[in-house]
Amino acid sequence: MSPIAMGVEELPAMLKKCAGKKCKADTITKNSGGSAIVIGMGVSCRMVSFVKSDPGAEEHHADPPLPQHHTARSVVNIVKKYQNIGIKVIPVFDGDSRTPLKQNIAGKHRDADSATALETLQKLLKKPWPSDQKHQEYILNMIAKKRKASAKINENTIAEVMQIFDDNGIEYVVAPFEADWQLAHMYFKGIINVIETTDSDFWALLEHPCCFMNVNSTDLKGYLCRSEGCSLLGSNVSIQESGRSLNAPIHHITRVGAIIRATVYGNDYHKGINGLGRITLERFMEEYKDDEDGLIKHLTTLYPSFVEKYEWMDRIYRNTPVFEMSCNNTNLKSRFSITGRIVSHEGKDIEAWTLVWRYLYLLQKRVIGNRMICATCTR
């Protein structure tokens, strides 16, 4: 998986190149045409980054366990930084029901990395203390590194973050499944204008996404990736226009292009197609830069396995189940309301999910620490 972000492999680096330099969050407000900006934030990635910091890892590995105060305070501080520049933030938590596809690919990989780091840490702690200073420094650095790598969020971490949101009057959402899917639905319905993320899947989930990517928690600098046709106004050059103007142009920074890249390169749900690499696919992208249908037909002709996997990937990205929400433009107390229906992230009926939504509600309902959480939980 790309070190820059999660989601569609290779695409994060392309988005970064097209976006250019990082910009501060107040750039978003300057380009909003005077209208209020609402950012949707996937909380899991934020929690992971903070729990893997030095103080977060110290709390995680403490014996007896310590409350996850550092992670909770750090997350709420970011929300407040946005609020201080006039941007409302709606955090979204992942649900309890994770798709087996993602668990088998991305989840298994991350769990293995964490387990390996923990095993190495335990071995380091059992080693006899060396006599020379250089070796001592090496051991200490490795211990610190593996402590952070093996730390991960748990139910107590989630409960701490939710509690501090409640204490500070911050409205939030718990998705039934993936937070990214719920965020895509909220963007589609106009509840949020921008998605703060480290994930490139939004380019396959939405026709005209606007993402603020890889945002630094200290100064709120990130890559503003604005698609052609998104609602954000202003002078920002779109990702597509920027990509076409590069010395080595990048084409098809579109929804179809993202789904094609996910099919070929892989993503959190599958490992890609063997025998078709980046250089070859991007050459085809250049050749068919104005013809998406022609590109798909060409790939199907050369690689018989492509069409079946592309159609499968297309269905995943167009039928992701979420809780149906609506935008409350006239209600100052809450930006949104939740109907309780399971629909696709684009608001279409998913019959199978509609029939079992009540079961999913009961499945999602659980106790985290001393708090009762359910999938429709908002403040």
Protein backbone atom coordinates (compact mmCIF):
# COMPACT_ATOMS: atom_id res chain seq x y z
CA MET A 1 0.00 0.00 0.00
CA SER A 2 1.21 3.48 -0.77
CA PRO A 3 3.02 5.16 2.15
CA ILE A 4 1.29 8.46 1.37
CA ALA A 5 -2.27 7.31 1.97
CA MET A 6 -4.67 4.40 1.98
CA GLY A 7 -7.18 3.40 -0.68
CA VAL A 8 -6.37 2.97 -4.37
CA GLU A 9 -2.69 2.13 -4.80
CA GLU A 10 -0.59 4.58 -6.87
CA LEU A 11 -3.41 7.15 -6.87
CA PRO A 12 -2.37 8.97 -3.64
CA ALA A 13 1.02 9.89 -5.11
CA MET A 14 -0.70 11.14 -8.28
CA LEU A 15 -3.11 13.31 -6.29
CA LYS A 16 -0.23 14.75 -4.28
CA LYS A 17 1.66 15.61 -7.46
CA CYS A 18 -1.40 17.26 -9.01
CA ALA A 19 -2.25 19.20 -5.84
CA GLY A 20 1.19 20.81 -5.63
CA LYS A 21 2.27 22.38 -2.36
CA LYS A 22 0.37 21.93 0.86
CA CYS A 23 -1.90 24.81 1.85
CA LYS A 24 -3.43 25.91 5.13
CA ALA A 25 -7.03 25.15 6.00
CA ASP A 26 -8.00 28.82 5.82
CA THR A 27 -7.41 28.55 2.05
CA ILE A 28 -10.62 26.51 1.95
CA THR A 29 -12.61 29.29 3.60
CA LYS A 30 -11.11 31.88 1.24
CA ASN A 31 -12.28 29.81 -1.72
CA SER A 32 -15.78 29.21 -0.39
CA GLY A 33 -17.29 32.38 -1.83
CA GLY A 34 -18.26 33.54 1.66
CA SER A 35 -20.40 30.49 2.45
CA ALA A 36 -19.85 28.39 5.58
CA ILE A 37 -17.61 25.36 5.19
CA VAL A 38 -18.35 22.01 6.80
CA ILE A 39 -15.63 19.35 6.82
CA GLY A 40 -16.32 15.67 7.34
CA MET A 41 -13.49 13.92 9.17
CA GLY A 42 -12.81 10.20 9.39
CA VAL A 43 -11.79 9.80 13.04
CA SER A 44 -10.05 6.43 12.85
CA CYS A 45 -6.99 7.63 10.94
CA ARG A 46 -6.58 10.51 13.38
CA MET A 47 -6.83 8.20 16.37
CA VAL A 48 -4.32 5.77 14.87
CA SER A 49 -1.74 8.51 14.26
CA PHE A 50 -2.04 9.82 17.84
CA VAL A 51 -2.04 6.44 19.55
CA LYS A 52 1.19 5.67 17.64
CA SER A 53 2.89 8.83 18.93
CA ASP A 54 5.27 8.67 21.91
CA PRO A 55 2.69 9.72 24.55
CA GLY A 56 -0.05 7.67 22.89
CA ALA A 57 2.11 4.54 22.87
CA GLU A 58 3.07 5.14 26.49
CA GLU A 59 -0.61 5.16 27.49
CA HIS A 60 -1.34 2.10 25.35
CA HIS A 61 1.45 -0.04 26.84
CA ALA A 62 1.06 1.13 30.45
CA ASP A 63 0.56 -1.59 33.07
CA PRO A 64 -1.98 -1.15 34.56
CA PRO A 65 -3.63 0.49 31.51
CA LEU A 66 -3.91 4.27 31.46
CA PRO A 67 -6.88 6.21 30.04
CA GLN A 68 -6.31 7.24 26.43
CA HIS A 69 -6.30 10.96 27.27
CA HIS A 70 -3.57 11.94 24.81
CA THR A 71 -5.41 10.59 21.77
CA ALA A 72 -8.75 12.07 22.86
CA ARG A 73 -7.28 15.51 23.60
CA SER A 74 -5.31 15.54 20.35
CA VAL A 75 -8.36 14.70 18.24
CA VAL A 76 -10.59 17.33 19.86
CA ASN A 77 -7.81 19.94 19.55
CA ILE A 78 -7.82 19.49 15.77
CA VAL A 79 -11.59 19.99 15.65
CA LYS A 80 -11.21 23.17 17.72
CA LYS A 81 -8.45 24.48 15.43
CA TYR A 82 -10.86 24.19 12.50
CA GLN A 83 -13.60 25.87 14.52
CA ASN A 84 -11.27 28.78 15.32
CA ILE A 85 -10.99 29.61 11.60
CA GLY A 86 -14.73 29.29 11.00
CA ILE A 87 -14.90 25.69 9.74
CA LYS A 88 -17.42 23.27 11.26
CA VAL A 89 -16.24 19.67 11.58
CA ILE A 90 -18.42 16.55 11.71
CA PRO A 91 -16.31 13.57 12.85
CA VAL A 92 -17.38 10.12 11.63
CA PHE A 93 -16.44 6.85 13.36
CA ASP A 94 -16.16 3.44 11.72
CA GLY A 95 -18.94 1.03 12.62
CA ASP A 96 -18.65 -2.37 14.26
CA SER A 97 -19.40 -4.31 11.07
CA ARG A 98 -16.29 -4.23 8.90
CA THR A 99 -16.46 -5.60 5.38
CA PRO A 100 -14.74 -9.02 5.22
CA LEU A 101 -12.99 -7.99 2.00
CA LYS A 102 -11.18 -5.11 3.70
CA GLN A 103 -10.42 -7.16 6.80
CA ASN A 104 -8.85 -9.91 4.68
CA ILE A 105 -6.62 -7.50 2.73
CA ALA A 106 -5.85 -4.26 4.57
CA GLY A 107 -6.99 -5.31 8.05
CA LYS A 108 -4.97 -8.53 8.07
CA HIS A 109 -1.88 -6.64 6.86
CA ARG A 110 -2.16 -3.97 9.58
CA ASP A 111 -2.87 -6.55 12.30
CA ALA A 112 0.18 -8.55 11.22
CA ASP A 113 2.39 -5.45 11.29
CA SER A 114 1.22 -4.59 14.79
CA ALA A 115 1.72 -8.15 16.06
CA THR A 116 5.20 -8.35 14.54
CA ALA A 117 6.18 -5.03 16.11
CA LEU A 118 4.91 -6.20 19.51
CA GLU A 119 6.84 -9.47 19.25
CA THR A 120 10.04 -7.58 18.38
CA LEU A 121 9.46 -5.17 21.26
CA GLN A 122 9.11 -8.03 23.75
CA LYS A 123 12.35 -9.59 22.49
CA LEU A 124 14.19 -6.27 22.80
CA LEU A 125 13.02 -5.82 26.38
CA LYS A 126 14.35 -9.26 27.32
CA LYS A 127 17.82 -8.69 25.85
CA PRO A 128 20.76 -8.15 28.22
CA TRP A 129 21.72 -4.48 28.44
CA PRO A 130 24.80 -3.87 26.20
CA SER A 131 27.94 -2.21 27.52
CA ASP A 132 28.81 0.13 24.63
CA GLN A 133 26.92 3.42 24.25
CA LYS A 134 26.24 3.11 20.53
CA HIS A 135 24.52 -0.24 21.00
CA GLN A 136 22.57 1.16 23.96
CA GLU A 137 21.26 4.03 21.81
CA TYR A 138 20.31 1.60 19.07
CA ILE A 139 18.33 -0.58 21.49
CA LEU A 140 16.55 2.44 22.99
CA ASN A 141 15.64 3.78 19.54
CA MET A 142 14.34 0.39 18.45
CA ILE A 143 12.26 0.03 21.62
CA ALA A 144 10.69 3.46 21.08
CA LYS A 145 10.01 2.65 17.41
CA LYS A 146 8.41 -0.73 18.12
CA ARG A 147 6.36 0.66 21.02
CA LYS A 148 4.72 3.11 18.62
CA ALA A 149 4.35 0.57 15.80
CA SER A 150 2.61 -1.98 18.04
CA ALA A 151 0.19 0.50 19.65
CA LYS A 152 -3.35 0.47 18.24
CA ILE A 153 -6.76 1.89 19.02
CA ASN A 154 -9.18 -0.14 21.09
CA GLU A 155 -12.66 0.31 22.54
CA ASN A 156 -11.35 2.41 25.42
CA THR A 157 -9.69 4.80 22.95
CA ILE A 158 -12.95 5.19 21.01
CA ALA A 159 -14.92 5.74 24.21
CA GLU A 160 -12.48 8.42 25.40
CA VAL A 161 -12.77 10.31 22.10
CA MET A 162 -16.57 10.11 22.09
CA GLN A 163 -16.69 11.28 25.70
CA ILE A 164 -14.56 14.36 25.00
CA PHE A 165 -16.71 15.14 21.93
CA ASP A 166 -19.80 15.00 24.13
CA ASP A 167 -18.14 17.16 26.78
CA ASN A 168 -17.32 19.80 24.17
CA GLY A 169 -20.65 19.74 22.35
CA ILE A 170 -19.19 18.31 19.13
CA GLU A 171 -21.74 16.56 16.93
CA TYR A 172 -20.52 13.25 15.49
CA VAL A 173 -21.73 10.19 13.57
CA VAL A 174 -21.07 6.47 13.99
CA ALA A 175 -21.38 4.73 10.61
CA PRO A 176 -22.93 1.26 10.30
CA PHE A 177 -19.87 0.07 8.36
CA GLU A 178 -16.94 2.08 6.95
CA ALA A 179 -16.68 5.74 7.93
CA ASP A 180 -15.46 6.58 4.41
CA TRP A 181 -18.70 5.29 2.91
CA GLN A 182 -20.75 7.40 5.31
CA LEU A 183 -18.59 10.45 4.56
CA ALA A 184 -19.14 9.92 0.82
CA HIS A 185 -22.90 9.86 1.46
CA MET A 186 -22.71 13.05 3.55
CA TYR A 187 -20.77 14.76 0.76
CA PHE A 188 -23.24 13.53 -1.85
CA LYS A 189 -26.18 14.88 0.21
CA GLY A 190 -24.53 18.28 0.74
CA ILE A 191 -24.13 17.85 4.51
CA ILE A 192 -20.38 18.42 4.18
CA ASN A 193 -18.41 20.42 1.58
CA VAL A 194 -14.96 18.92 2.05
CA ILE A 195 -13.64 15.56 3.28
CA GLU A 196 -10.54 15.53 5.47
CA THR A 197 -8.86 12.22 4.75
CA THR A 198 -5.74 10.20 4.04
CA ASP A 199 -7.72 7.87 1.78
CA SER A 200 -7.92 8.02 -2.03
CA ASP A 201 -11.03 5.81 -2.24
CA PHE A 202 -13.22 8.93 -2.39
CA TRP A 203 -12.16 9.41 -6.01
CA ALA A 204 -13.78 6.06 -6.80
CA LEU A 205 -16.79 6.67 -4.52
CA LEU A 206 -17.76 10.12 -5.86
CA GLU A 207 -18.02 11.88 -9.21
CA HIS A 208 -16.71 15.28 -8.05
CA PRO A 209 -14.97 14.94 -4.67
CA CYS A 210 -13.23 17.70 -2.76
CA CYS A 211 -10.67 16.31 -0.32
CA PHE A 212 -8.25 17.93 2.09
CA MET A 213 -5.60 15.22 2.31
CA ASN A 214 -2.75 14.36 4.67
CA VAL A 215 -3.47 17.30 6.94
CA ASN A 216 -0.79 18.14 9.51
CA SER A 217 -2.27 18.30 13.00
CA THR A 218 -0.10 21.22 14.15
CA ASP A 219 -0.70 23.82 11.43
CA LEU A 220 -3.64 22.28 9.50
CA LYS A 221 -1.67 22.21 6.25
CA GLY A 222 -2.72 19.64 3.69
CA TYR A 223 -3.18 18.89 0.00
CA LEU A 224 -6.37 20.49 -1.30
CA CYS A 225 -7.59 18.11 -4.01
CA ARG A 226 -10.53 19.78 -5.73
CA SER A 227 -12.20 17.88 -8.55
CA GLU A 228 -13.80 19.55 -11.55
CA GLY A 229 -17.46 20.08 -10.79
CA CYS A 230 -17.15 20.13 -6.99
CA SER A 231 -19.08 22.74 -5.03
CA LEU A 232 -16.02 24.53 -3.61
CA LEU A 233 -15.63 27.88 -5.35
CA GLY A 234 -12.50 29.95 -5.81
CA SER A 235 -9.35 30.15 -7.84
CA ASN A 236 -7.95 26.69 -7.03
CA VAL A 237 -6.97 24.79 -10.15
CA SER A 238 -8.76 21.45 -10.30
CA ILE A 239 -6.84 18.22 -9.90
CA GLN A 240 -7.73 17.23 -13.48
CA GLU A 241 -6.50 20.51 -14.98
CA SER A 242 -3.32 20.38 -12.94
CA GLY A 243 -2.68 16.78 -13.97
CA ARG A 244 -3.03 17.60 -17.66
CA SER A 245 -0.52 20.46 -17.35
CA LEU A 246 2.32 18.40 -15.83
CA ASN A 247 5.45 17.66 -17.87
CA ALA A 248 4.44 14.02 -17.62
CA PRO A 249 0.63 14.43 -17.77
CA ILE A 250 -1.63 12.34 -15.56
CA HIS A 251 -4.95 11.53 -17.21
CA HIS A 252 -8.26 10.10 -16.01
CA ILE A 253 -8.21 11.57 -12.49
CA THR A 254 -11.91 10.72 -12.57
CA ARG A 255 -14.22 8.26 -10.90
CA VAL A 256 -13.91 5.75 -13.73
CA GLY A 257 -10.15 6.27 -13.81
CA ALA A 258 -9.92 5.64 -10.07
CA ILE A 259 -11.97 2.44 -10.35
CA ILE A 260 -9.77 1.24 -13.24
CA ARG A 261 -6.65 1.93 -11.15
CA ALA A 262 -8.16 0.14 -8.15
CA THR A 263 -8.89 -2.85 -10.40
CA VAL A 264 -5.38 -2.98 -11.81
CA TYR A 265 -3.15 -1.76 -8.96
CA GLY A 266 -5.21 -3.00 -6.02
CA ASN A 267 -6.78 -1.34 -2.99
CA ASP A 268 -8.05 -2.24 0.48
CA TYR A 269 -10.38 -4.86 -1.04
CA HIS A 270 -8.25 -6.80 -3.51
CA LYS A 271 -4.63 -7.20 -4.64
CA GLY A 272 -4.86 -6.04 -8.25
CA ILE A 273 -4.18 -7.77 -11.56
CA ASN A 274 -0.89 -9.56 -12.14
CA GLY A 275 0.95 -8.78 -15.37
CA LEU A 276 -0.38 -5.24 -15.82
CA GLY A 277 1.86 -2.63 -14.23
CA ARG A 278 1.83 1.12 -13.75
CA ILE A 279 3.91 2.07 -16.80
CA THR A 280 1.71 0.03 -19.14
CA LEU A 281 -1.62 1.22 -17.72
CA GLU A 282 -0.63 4.88 -17.63
CA ARG A 283 0.50 4.61 -21.26
CA PHE A 284 -2.97 3.31 -22.13
CA MET A 285 -4.44 6.18 -20.08
CA GLU A 286 -2.47 8.61 -22.25
CA GLU A 287 -3.52 6.87 -25.47
CA TYR A 288 -7.21 6.95 -24.50
CA LYS A 289 -7.11 10.21 -22.54
CA ASP A 290 -10.46 11.39 -23.92
CA ASP A 291 -12.18 8.02 -24.26
CA GLU A 292 -12.98 6.10 -21.05
CA ASP A 293 -15.15 3.56 -22.86
CA GLY A 294 -12.38 2.94 -25.39
CA LEU A 295 -9.87 2.48 -22.56
CA ILE A 296 -12.07 -0.13 -20.87
CA LYS A 297 -12.63 -1.99 -24.17
CA HIS A 298 -8.89 -1.96 -24.90
CA LEU A 299 -8.02 -3.35 -21.47
CA THR A 300 -10.74 -6.00 -21.82
CA THR A 301 -9.32 -7.12 -25.17
CA LEU A 302 -5.75 -7.40 -23.90
CA TYR A 303 -6.52 -8.76 -20.43
CA PRO A 304 -9.58 -11.09 -20.36
CA SER A 305 -9.70 -11.07 -16.54
CA PHE A 306 -9.98 -7.28 -16.43
CA VAL A 307 -13.66 -6.84 -17.27
CA GLU A 308 -14.98 -9.20 -14.58
CA LYS A 309 -12.79 -7.64 -11.89
CA TYR A 310 -13.58 -4.12 -13.08
CA GLU A 311 -17.34 -4.75 -12.93
CA TRP A 312 -16.96 -6.26 -9.46
CA MET A 313 -14.92 -3.27 -8.27
CA ASP A 314 -17.40 -0.87 -9.87
CA ARG A 315 -20.26 -2.46 -7.92
CA ILE A 316 -18.34 -2.13 -4.65
CA TYR A 317 -17.73 1.58 -5.22
CA ARG A 318 -21.29 2.33 -6.35
CA ASN A 319 -23.28 0.32 -3.81
CA THR A 320 -21.64 0.95 -0.46
CA PRO A 321 -24.25 0.68 2.35
CA VAL A 322 -24.68 3.63 4.73
CA PHE A 323 -27.28 5.14 7.02
CA GLU A 324 -29.48 7.51 5.02
CA MET A 325 -29.05 11.13 6.13
CA SER A 326 -30.52 14.47 5.16
CA CYS A 327 -29.15 17.99 5.42
CA ASN A 328 -30.87 20.35 7.86
CA ASN A 329 -30.05 23.75 6.40
CA THR A 330 -32.64 25.49 8.57
CA ASN A 331 -31.83 23.71 11.84
CA LEU A 332 -29.01 25.48 13.64
CA LYS A 333 -28.79 22.83 16.37
CA SER A 334 -27.94 19.96 14.04
CA ARG A 335 -26.51 19.96 10.53
CA PHE A 336 -28.17 16.64 9.69
CA SER A 337 -30.76 14.03 10.57
CA ILE A 338 -30.65 10.24 10.19
CA THR A 339 -33.65 8.30 8.84
CA GLY A 340 -32.44 4.85 9.95
CA ARG A 341 -32.75 3.38 6.44
CA ILE A 342 -29.82 1.57 4.84
CA VAL A 343 -29.17 2.94 1.34
CA SER A 344 -26.23 3.17 -1.02
CA HIS A 345 -23.92 6.13 -0.40
CA GLU A 346 -25.59 7.80 -3.39
CA GLY A 347 -29.01 7.44 -1.80
CA LYS A 348 -30.27 4.51 -3.86
CA ASP A 349 -32.30 1.68 -2.37
CA ILE A 350 -30.37 -1.48 -1.58
CA GLU A 351 -33.15 -4.00 -1.08
CA ALA A 352 -31.10 -6.61 0.73
CA TRP A 353 -29.75 -4.06 3.18
CA THR A 354 -33.13 -2.42 3.73
CA LEU A 355 -34.56 -5.77 4.82
CA VAL A 356 -31.90 -6.31 7.47
CA TRP A 357 -31.19 -2.75 8.66
CA ARG A 358 -32.91 -3.41 11.99
CA TYR A 359 -30.71 -6.46 12.55
CA LEU A 360 -27.63 -4.34 11.77
CA TYR A 361 -28.77 -1.75 14.28
CA LEU A 362 -28.94 -4.43 16.97
CA LEU A 363 -25.59 -5.85 15.87
CA GLN A 364 -24.00 -2.42 16.06
CA LYS A 365 -25.42 -1.60 19.48
CA ARG A 366 -22.86 -2.39 22.12
CA VAL A 367 -21.13 -1.18 25.23
CA ILE A 368 -17.77 0.54 24.89
CA GLY A 369 -16.25 1.02 28.33
CA ASN A 370 -19.09 2.53 30.36
CA ARG A 371 -20.80 4.08 27.33
CA MET A 372 -23.65 2.73 25.23
CA ILE A 373 -22.96 3.28 21.53
CA CYS A 374 -25.18 2.58 18.54
CA ALA A 375 -24.69 3.10 14.84
CA THR A 376 -26.98 6.12 14.70
CA CYS A 377 -25.32 7.79 17.67
CA THR A 378 -24.95 11.53 17.36
CA ARG A 379 -24.88 14.17 19.95
